[in-house]
Amino acid sequence: MTTVQFTLPDELAQAAERAGLLSSAALEQLLRRQLKARAADELFAAMDKMSAVEDSPYMSPEEIAEEIRTMRLEKLAKGLA
């Protein structure tokens, strides 16, 4: 276990204490929820970034077939096939 010490404004600390939010269990639950929320936010941000990319770096099967056909025709034209 790790011990964490932090400073809060008196009014906030008193309100949090009255609400039962300063117990180890409550703080653990709050932190876990926040970590999950941030992970979800990061995932959605990455998905947005990926969808913003216009051109895929990958070729479709049709594009690959066309490239192969073109190369074969070029070889035939040069008499290398």
C-alpha atoms as a PDB file:
ATOM      1  CA  MET A   1       0.000   0.000   0.000  1.00  0.00           C
ATOM      2  CA  THR A   2       1.063   3.544  -0.686  1.00  0.00           C
ATOM      3  CA  THR A   3       0.327   6.485   1.568  1.00  0.00           C
ATOM      4  CA  VAL A   4      -0.622   9.701  -0.226  1.00  0.00           C
ATOM      5  CA  GLN A   5      -0.716  13.121   1.386  1.00  0.00           C
ATOM      6  CA  PHE A   6      -2.226  16.159  -0.306  1.00  0.00           C
ATOM      7  CA  THR A   7      -3.449  19.637   0.588  1.00  0.00           C
ATOM      8  CA  LEU A   8      -7.034  20.855   0.088  1.00  0.00           C
ATOM      9  CA  PRO A   9      -8.763  24.115   0.928  1.00  0.00           C
ATOM     10  CA  ASP A  10     -10.320  23.822   4.401  1.00  0.00           C
ATOM     11  CA  GLU A  11     -13.888  24.265   3.188  1.00  0.00           C
ATOM     12  CA  LEU A  12     -13.517  21.571   0.540  1.00  0.00           C
ATOM     13  CA  ALA A  13     -11.814  19.150   2.934  1.00  0.00           C
ATOM     14  CA  GLN A  14     -14.567  19.628   5.542  1.00  0.00           C
ATOM     15  CA  ALA A  15     -17.346  19.134   2.977  1.00  0.00           C
ATOM     16  CA  ALA A  16     -15.626  16.048   1.557  1.00  0.00           C
ATOM     17  CA  GLU A  17     -15.154  14.649   5.061  1.00  0.00           C
ATOM     18  CA  ARG A  18     -18.846  15.214   5.906  1.00  0.00           C
ATOM     19  CA  ALA A  19     -19.817  13.475   2.668  1.00  0.00           C
ATOM     20  CA  GLY A  20     -17.575  10.516   3.499  1.00  0.00           C
ATOM     21  CA  LEU A  21     -15.356  11.084   0.495  1.00  0.00           C
ATOM     22  CA  LEU A  22     -12.028  11.128   2.328  1.00  0.00           C
ATOM     23  CA  SER A  23     -12.063   7.492   3.411  1.00  0.00           C
ATOM     24  CA  SER A  24      -9.592   5.164   1.713  1.00  0.00           C
ATOM     25  CA  ALA A  25     -12.412   3.148   0.157  1.00  0.00           C
ATOM     26  CA  ALA A  26     -14.192   6.240  -1.203  1.00  0.00           C
ATOM     27  CA  LEU A  27     -10.992   7.731  -2.598  1.00  0.00           C
ATOM     28  CA  GLU A  28     -10.053   4.413  -4.203  1.00  0.00           C
ATOM     29  CA  GLN A  29     -13.455   4.206  -5.868  1.00  0.00           C
ATOM     30  CA  LEU A  30     -13.254   7.815  -7.097  1.00  0.00           C
ATOM     31  CA  LEU A  31      -9.764   7.293  -8.506  1.00  0.00           C
ATOM     32  CA  ARG A  32     -10.696   4.036 -10.253  1.00  0.00           C
ATOM     33  CA  ARG A  33     -13.736   5.673 -11.863  1.00  0.00           C
ATOM     34  CA  GLN A  34     -11.639   8.614 -13.006  1.00  0.00           C
ATOM     35  CA  LEU A  35      -8.983   6.327 -14.486  1.00  0.00           C
ATOM     36  CA  LYS A  36     -11.645   4.398 -16.432  1.00  0.00           C
ATOM     37  CA  ALA A  37     -13.199   7.633 -17.678  1.00  0.00           C
ATOM     38  CA  ARG A  38      -9.828   8.943 -18.854  1.00  0.00           C
ATOM     39  CA  ALA A  39      -9.033   5.664 -20.602  1.00  0.00           C
ATOM     40  CA  ALA A  40     -12.367   5.863 -22.425  1.00  0.00           C
ATOM     41  CA  ASP A  41     -11.714   9.499 -23.361  1.00  0.00           C
ATOM     42  CA  GLU A  42      -8.279   8.576 -24.723  1.00  0.00           C
ATOM     43  CA  LEU A  43      -9.772   5.699 -26.722  1.00  0.00           C
ATOM     44  CA  PHE A  44     -12.418   7.931 -28.289  1.00  0.00           C
ATOM     45  CA  ALA A  45      -9.816  10.607 -29.029  1.00  0.00           C
ATOM     46  CA  ALA A  46      -7.651   8.011 -30.782  1.00  0.00           C
ATOM     47  CA  MET A  47     -10.659   6.778 -32.754  1.00  0.00           C
ATOM     48  CA  ASP A  48     -11.492  10.344 -33.808  1.00  0.00           C
ATOM     49  CA  LYS A  49      -7.895  10.873 -34.878  1.00  0.00           C
ATOM     50  CA  MET A  50      -7.912   7.648 -36.897  1.00  0.00           C
ATOM     51  CA  SER A  51     -11.194   8.504 -38.633  1.00  0.00           C
ATOM     52  CA  ALA A  52      -9.808  11.912 -39.599  1.00  0.00           C
ATOM     53  CA  VAL A  53      -7.101  10.289 -41.736  1.00  0.00           C
ATOM     54  CA  GLU A  54      -8.267  10.487 -45.338  1.00  0.00           C
ATOM     55  CA  ASP A  55      -6.016   8.022 -47.105  1.00  0.00           C
ATOM     56  CA  SER A  56      -5.465   4.521 -45.854  1.00  0.00           C
ATOM     57  CA  PRO A  57      -1.829   3.401 -46.008  1.00  0.00           C
ATOM     58  CA  TYR A  58      -3.092  -0.030 -47.088  1.00  0.00           C
ATOM     59  CA  MET A  59      -4.030  -1.103 -50.560  1.00  0.00           C
ATOM     60  CA  SER A  60      -7.308  -2.804 -51.313  1.00  0.00           C
ATOM     61  CA  PRO A  61      -7.203  -6.300 -52.832  1.00  0.00           C
ATOM     62  CA  GLU A  62      -8.310  -4.765 -56.116  1.00  0.00           C
ATOM     63  CA  GLU A  63      -5.438  -2.260 -56.051  1.00  0.00           C
ATOM     64  CA  ILE A  64      -2.944  -5.048 -55.341  1.00  0.00           C
ATOM     65  CA  ALA A  65      -4.313  -7.143 -58.207  1.00  0.00           C
ATOM     66  CA  GLU A  66      -4.041  -4.157 -60.554  1.00  0.00           C
ATOM     67  CA  GLU A  67      -0.426  -3.510 -59.503  1.00  0.00           C
ATOM     68  CA  ILE A  68       0.470  -7.167 -60.123  1.00  0.00           C
ATOM     69  CA  ARG A  69      -1.229  -7.089 -63.526  1.00  0.00           C
ATOM     70  CA  THR A  70       0.639  -3.912 -64.462  1.00  0.00           C
ATOM     71  CA  MET A  71       4.001  -5.386 -63.403  1.00  0.00           C
ATOM     72  CA  ARG A  72       3.356  -8.574 -65.394  1.00  0.00           C
ATOM     73  CA  LEU A  73       2.449  -6.570 -68.476  1.00  0.00           C
ATOM     74  CA  GLU A  74       5.613  -4.483 -68.102  1.00  0.00           C
ATOM     75  CA  LYS A  75       7.747  -7.642 -67.830  1.00  0.00           C
ATOM     76  CA  LEU A  76       6.079  -9.141 -70.897  1.00  0.00           C
ATOM     77  CA  ALA A  77       6.674  -5.939 -72.826  1.00  0.00           C
ATOM     78  CA  LYS A  78      10.373  -6.057 -71.930  1.00  0.00           C
ATOM     79  CA  GLY A  79      10.619  -9.766 -72.761  1.00  0.00           C
ATOM     80  CA  LEU A  80      11.583 -10.727 -69.170  1.00  0.00           C
ATOM     81  CA  ALA A  81       8.706 -13.083 -68.399  1.00  0.00           C
END
